[in-house]
């Protein structure tokens, strides 16, 4: 299983924009906040592994 790392770039209502940080990419991923851990804020670093996000 692969592991990916993201940073929360912005939060807009029930969604958050994530930027991948483990590779060079300018793309943003729109993710429902219900899928993210509680307590996230702009600038929070996340790890995606085994179909779950966790705060790093």
PDB file of N, CA and C in Angstrom:
ATOM      1  N   UNK A   1       0.848  -1.177   0.000  1.00  0.00           N
ATOM      2  CA  UNK A   1       0.000   0.000   0.000  1.00  0.00           C
ATOM      3  C   UNK A   1       0.891   1.237   0.000  1.00  0.00           C
ATOM      4  N   UNK A   2       0.533   2.212  -0.798  1.00  0.00           N
ATOM      5  CA  UNK A   2       1.319   3.433  -0.884  1.00  0.00           C
ATOM      6  C   UNK A   2       0.934   4.424   0.213  1.00  0.00           C
ATOM      7  N   UNK A   3       1.865   5.304   0.516  1.00  0.00           N
ATOM      8  CA  UNK A   3       1.640   6.379   1.482  1.00  0.00           C
ATOM      9  C   UNK A   3       1.874   7.699   0.777  1.00  0.00           C
ATOM     10  N   UNK A   4       0.930   8.629   0.928  1.00  0.00           N
ATOM     11  CA  UNK A   4       1.041   9.948   0.316  1.00  0.00           C
ATOM     12  C   UNK A   4       0.950  11.001   1.402  1.00  0.00           C
ATOM     13  N   UNK A   5       1.619  12.135   1.164  1.00  0.00           N
ATOM     14  CA  UNK A   5       1.624  13.235   2.130  1.00  0.00           C
ATOM     15  C   UNK A   5       1.021  14.479   1.506  1.00  0.00           C
ATOM     16  N   UNK A   6       0.226  15.190   2.294  1.00  0.00           N
ATOM     17  CA  UNK A   6      -0.482  16.389   1.832  1.00  0.00           C
ATOM     18  C   UNK A   6      -0.363  17.498   2.864  1.00  0.00           C
ATOM     19  N   UNK A   7      -0.587  18.721   2.415  1.00  0.00           N
ATOM     20  CA  UNK A   7      -0.750  19.875   3.294  1.00  0.00           C
ATOM     21  C   UNK A   7      -2.099  20.499   2.981  1.00  0.00           C
ATOM     22  N   UNK A   8      -2.833  20.884   4.016  1.00  0.00           N
ATOM     23  CA  UNK A   8      -4.119  21.561   3.826  1.00  0.00           C
ATOM     24  C   UNK A   8      -3.823  22.988   3.373  1.00  0.00           C
ATOM     25  N   UNK A   9      -4.243  23.311   2.152  1.00  0.00           N
ATOM     26  CA  UNK A   9      -3.991  24.636   1.580  1.00  0.00           C
ATOM     27  C   UNK A   9      -5.108  25.599   1.980  1.00  0.00           C
ATOM     28  N   UNK A  10      -6.350  25.133   1.903  1.00  0.00           N
ATOM     29  CA  UNK A  10      -7.475  25.986   2.268  1.00  0.00           C
ATOM     30  C   UNK A  10      -8.660  25.117   2.669  1.00  0.00           C
ATOM     31  N   UNK A  11      -9.552  25.739   3.437  1.00  0.00           N
ATOM     32  CA  UNK A  11     -10.780  25.068   3.864  1.00  0.00           C
ATOM     33  C   UNK A  11     -11.938  25.944   3.405  1.00  0.00           C
ATOM     34  N   UNK A  12     -12.887  25.312   2.710  1.00  0.00           N
ATOM     35  CA  UNK A  12     -14.039  26.031   2.179  1.00  0.00           C
ATOM     36  C   UNK A  12     -15.298  25.268   2.564  1.00  0.00           C
ATOM     37  N   UNK A  13     -15.886  25.641   3.683  1.00  0.00           N
ATOM     38  CA  UNK A  13     -17.106  24.965   4.139  1.00  0.00           C
ATOM     39  C   UNK A  13     -16.845  23.517   4.500  1.00  0.00           C
ATOM     40  N   UNK A  14     -17.505  22.607   3.806  1.00  0.00           N
ATOM     41  CA  UNK A  14     -17.389  21.178   4.095  1.00  0.00           C
ATOM     42  C   UNK A  14     -16.269  20.498   3.330  1.00  0.00           C
ATOM     43  N   UNK A  15     -15.439  21.274   2.653  1.00  0.00           N
ATOM     44  CA  UNK A  15     -14.367  20.713   1.829  1.00  0.00           C
ATOM     45  C   UNK A  15     -13.029  21.354   2.152  1.00  0.00           C
ATOM     46  N   UNK A  16     -11.962  20.619   1.888  1.00  0.00           N
ATOM     47  CA  UNK A  16     -10.611  21.138   2.068  1.00  0.00           C
ATOM     48  C   UNK A  16      -9.822  20.877   0.788  1.00  0.00           C
ATOM     49  N   UNK A  17      -8.971  21.812   0.429  1.00  0.00           N
ATOM     50  CA  UNK A  17      -8.059  21.650  -0.703  1.00  0.00           C
ATOM     51  C   UNK A  17      -6.719  21.173  -0.166  1.00  0.00           C
ATOM     52  N   UNK A  18      -6.255  20.038  -0.682  1.00  0.00           N
ATOM     53  CA  UNK A  18      -4.996  19.452  -0.247  1.00  0.00           C
ATOM     54  C   UNK A  18      -3.977  19.514  -1.372  1.00  0.00           C
ATOM     55  N   UNK A  19      -2.728  19.796  -1.008  1.00  0.00           N
ATOM     56  CA  UNK A  19      -1.628  19.819  -1.976  1.00  0.00           C
ATOM     57  C   UNK A  19      -0.667  18.708  -1.598  1.00  0.00           C
ATOM     58  N   UNK A  20      -0.353  17.885  -2.559  1.00  0.00           N
ATOM     59  CA  UNK A  20       0.559  16.772  -2.319  1.00  0.00           C
ATOM     60  C   UNK A  20       1.969  17.305  -2.110  1.00  0.00           C
ATOM     61  N   UNK A  21       2.659  16.808  -1.092  1.00  0.00           N
ATOM     62  CA  UNK A  21       3.978  17.328  -0.756  1.00  0.00           C
ATOM     63  C   UNK A  21       5.103  16.319  -0.960  1.00  0.00           C
ATOM     64  N   UNK A  22       4.787  15.058  -1.200  1.00  0.00           N
ATOM     65  CA  UNK A  22       5.842  14.062  -1.374  1.00  0.00           C
ATOM     66  C   UNK A  22       6.341  13.966  -2.815  1.00  0.00           C
ATOM     67  N   UNK A  23       5.657  14.668  -3.729  1.00  0.00           N
ATOM     68  CA  UNK A  23       6.108  14.756  -5.128  1.00  0.00           C
ATOM     69  C   UNK A  23       5.921  16.196  -5.595  1.00  0.00           C
ATOM     70  N   UNK A  24       6.551  16.542  -6.698  1.00  0.00           N
ATOM     71  CA  UNK A  24       6.360  17.862  -7.291  1.00  0.00           C
ATOM     72  C   UNK A  24       5.014  17.887  -7.997  1.00  0.00           C
ATOM     73  N   UNK A  25       4.096  18.699  -7.499  1.00  0.00           N
ATOM     74  CA  UNK A  25       2.781  18.811  -8.109  1.00  0.00           C
ATOM     75  C   UNK A  25       2.130  20.121  -7.688  1.00  0.00           C
ATOM     76  N   UNK A  26       1.514  20.795  -8.647  1.00  0.00           N
ATOM     77  CA  UNK A  26       0.777  22.015  -8.352  1.00  0.00           C
ATOM     78  C   UNK A  26      -0.718  21.753  -8.250  1.00  0.00           C
ATOM     79  N   UNK A  27      -1.127  20.512  -8.478  1.00  0.00           N
ATOM     80  CA  UNK A  27      -2.545  20.153  -8.439  1.00  0.00           C
ATOM     81  C   UNK A  27      -3.058  20.148  -7.002  1.00  0.00           C
ATOM     82  N   UNK A  28      -4.313  20.549  -6.848  1.00  0.00           N
ATOM     83  CA  UNK A  28      -4.977  20.492  -5.550  1.00  0.00           C
ATOM     84  C   UNK A  28      -6.030  19.397  -5.593  1.00  0.00           C
ATOM     85  N   UNK A  29      -6.204  18.732  -4.474  1.00  0.00           N
ATOM     86  CA  UNK A  29      -7.199  17.669  -4.354  1.00  0.00           C
ATOM     87  C   UNK A  29      -8.295  18.163  -3.419  1.00  0.00           C
ATOM     88  N   UNK A  30      -9.530  18.157  -3.890  1.00  0.00           N
ATOM     89  CA  UNK A  30     -10.675  18.577  -3.094  1.00  0.00           C
ATOM     90  C   UNK A  30     -11.212  17.363  -2.334  1.00  0.00           C
ATOM     91  N   UNK A  31     -11.229  17.458  -0.994  1.00  0.00           N
ATOM     92  CA  UNK A  31     -11.627  16.328  -0.152  1.00  0.00           C
ATOM     93  C   UNK A  31     -12.684  16.805   0.840  1.00  0.00           C
ATOM     94  N   UNK A  32     -13.717  16.002   1.019  1.00  0.00           N
ATOM     95  CA  UNK A  32     -14.754  16.320   2.009  1.00  0.00           C
ATOM     96  C   UNK A  32     -14.143  16.279   3.405  1.00  0.00           C
ATOM     97  N   UNK A  33     -14.460  17.279   4.216  1.00  0.00           N
ATOM     98  CA  UNK A  33     -13.901  17.356   5.571  1.00  0.00           C
ATOM     99  C   UNK A  33     -14.322  16.173   6.432  1.00  0.00           C
ATOM    100  N   UNK A  34     -15.430  15.545   6.103  1.00  0.00           N
ATOM    101  CA  UNK A  34     -15.883  14.376   6.855  1.00  0.00           C
ATOM    102  C   UNK A  34     -14.878  13.219   6.750  1.00  0.00           C
ATOM    103  N   UNK A  35     -14.050  13.224   5.710  1.00  0.00           N
ATOM    104  CA  UNK A  35     -13.050  12.179   5.516  1.00  0.00           C
ATOM    105  C   UNK A  35     -11.723  12.506   6.194  1.00  0.00           C
ATOM    106  N   UNK A  36     -11.590  13.719   6.699  1.00  0.00           N
ATOM    107  CA  UNK A  36     -10.337  14.178   7.302  1.00  0.00           C
ATOM    108  C   UNK A  36     -10.445  14.163   8.821  1.00  0.00           C
ATOM    109  N   UNK A  37      -9.301  14.085   9.504  1.00  0.00           N
ATOM    110  CA  UNK A  37      -9.327  14.086  10.973  1.00  0.00           C
ATOM    111  C   UNK A  37      -9.851  15.402  11.525  1.00  0.00           C
ATOM    112  N   UNK A  38     -10.471  15.355  12.691  1.00  0.00           N
ATOM    113  CA  UNK A  38     -10.941  16.579  13.340  1.00  0.00           C
ATOM    114  C   UNK A  38      -9.743  17.418  13.750  1.00  0.00           C
ATOM    115  N   UNK A  39      -9.931  18.721  13.747  1.00  0.00           N
ATOM    116  CA  UNK A  39      -8.880  19.612  14.205  1.00  0.00           C
ATOM    117  C   UNK A  39      -7.942  20.099  13.118  1.00  0.00           C
ATOM    118  N   UNK A  40      -8.258  19.798  11.862  1.00  0.00           N
ATOM    119  CA  UNK A  40      -7.377  20.294  10.806  1.00  0.00           C
ATOM    120  C   UNK A  40      -7.573  21.797  10.629  1.00  0.00           C
ATOM    121  N   UNK A  41      -6.538  22.442  10.130  1.00  0.00           N
ATOM    122  CA  UNK A  41      -6.568  23.862   9.813  1.00  0.00           C
ATOM    123  C   UNK A  41      -5.656  24.071   8.619  1.00  0.00           C
ATOM    124  N   UNK A  42      -5.696  25.258   8.043  1.00  0.00           N
ATOM    125  CA  UNK A  42      -4.793  25.542   6.942  1.00  0.00           C
ATOM    126  C   UNK A  42      -3.362  25.364   7.428  1.00  0.00           C
ATOM    127  N   UNK A  43      -2.564  24.653   6.642  1.00  0.00           N
ATOM    128  CA  UNK A  43      -1.180  24.390   7.009  1.00  0.00           C
ATOM    129  C   UNK A  43      -0.961  23.054   7.700  1.00  0.00           C
ATOM    130  N   UNK A  44      -2.034  22.346   8.049  1.00  0.00           N
ATOM    131  CA  UNK A  44      -1.903  21.036   8.692  1.00  0.00           C
ATOM    132  C   UNK A  44      -1.315  20.035   7.704  1.00  0.00           C
ATOM    133  N   UNK A  45      -0.349  19.245   8.161  1.00  0.00           N
ATOM    134  CA  UNK A  45       0.246  18.197   7.331  1.00  0.00           C
ATOM    135  C   UNK A  45      -0.480  16.889   7.591  1.00  0.00           C
ATOM    136  N   UNK A  46      -0.812  16.197   6.500  1.00  0.00           N
ATOM    137  CA  UNK A  46      -1.569  14.950   6.586  1.00  0.00           C
ATOM    138  C   UNK A  46      -0.830  13.816   5.896  1.00  0.00           C
ATOM    139  N   UNK A  47      -1.094  12.608   6.369  1.00  0.00           N
ATOM    140  CA  UNK A  47      -0.593  11.397   5.723  1.00  0.00           C
ATOM    141  C   UNK A  47      -1.806  10.586   5.288  1.00  0.00           C
ATOM    142  N   UNK A  48      -1.786  10.090   4.054  1.00  0.00           N
ATOM    143  CA  UNK A  48      -2.867   9.249   3.539  1.00  0.00           C
ATOM    144  C   UNK A  48      -2.304   7.848   3.357  1.00  0.00           C
ATOM    145  N   UNK A  49      -2.854   6.902   4.111  1.00  0.00           N
ATOM    146  CA  UNK A  49      -2.366   5.536   4.081  1.00  0.00           C
ATOM    147  C   UNK A  49      -3.510   4.615   4.449  1.00  0.00           C
ATOM    148  N   UNK A  50      -3.636   3.509   3.748  1.00  0.00           N
ATOM    149  CA  UNK A  50      -4.710   2.532   4.001  1.00  0.00           C
ATOM    150  C   UNK A  50      -6.092   3.185   3.955  1.00  0.00           C
ATOM    151  N   UNK A  51      -6.271   4.097   2.989  1.00  0.00           N
ATOM    152  CA  UNK A  51      -7.534   4.771   2.733  1.00  0.00           C
ATOM    153  C   UNK A  51      -7.993   5.645   3.901  1.00  0.00           C
ATOM    154  N   UNK A  52      -7.046   6.156   4.717  1.00  0.00           N
ATOM    155  CA  UNK A  52      -7.357   7.036   5.830  1.00  0.00           C
ATOM    156  C   UNK A  52      -6.350   8.171   5.889  1.00  0.00           C
ATOM    157  N   UNK A  53      -6.840   9.335   6.300  1.00  0.00           N
ATOM    158  CA  UNK A  53      -5.977  10.500   6.513  1.00  0.00           C
ATOM    159  C   UNK A  53      -5.667  10.588   8.000  1.00  0.00           C
ATOM    160  N   UNK A  54      -4.428  10.950   8.324  1.00  0.00           N
ATOM    161  CA  UNK A  54      -4.048  11.196   9.714  1.00  0.00           C
ATOM    162  C   UNK A  54      -3.138  12.420   9.757  1.00  0.00           C
ATOM    163  N   UNK A  55      -3.157  13.105  10.889  1.00  0.00           N
ATOM    164  CA  UNK A  55      -2.312  14.291  11.060  1.00  0.00           C
ATOM    165  C   UNK A  55      -0.909  13.850  11.380  1.00  0.00           C
ATOM    166  N   UNK A  56       0.048  14.464  10.690  1.00  0.00           N
ATOM    167  CA  UNK A  56       1.471  14.121  10.907  1.00  0.00           C
ATOM    168  C   UNK A  56       2.030  15.040  11.970  1.00  0.00           C
TER     169      UNK A  56
END
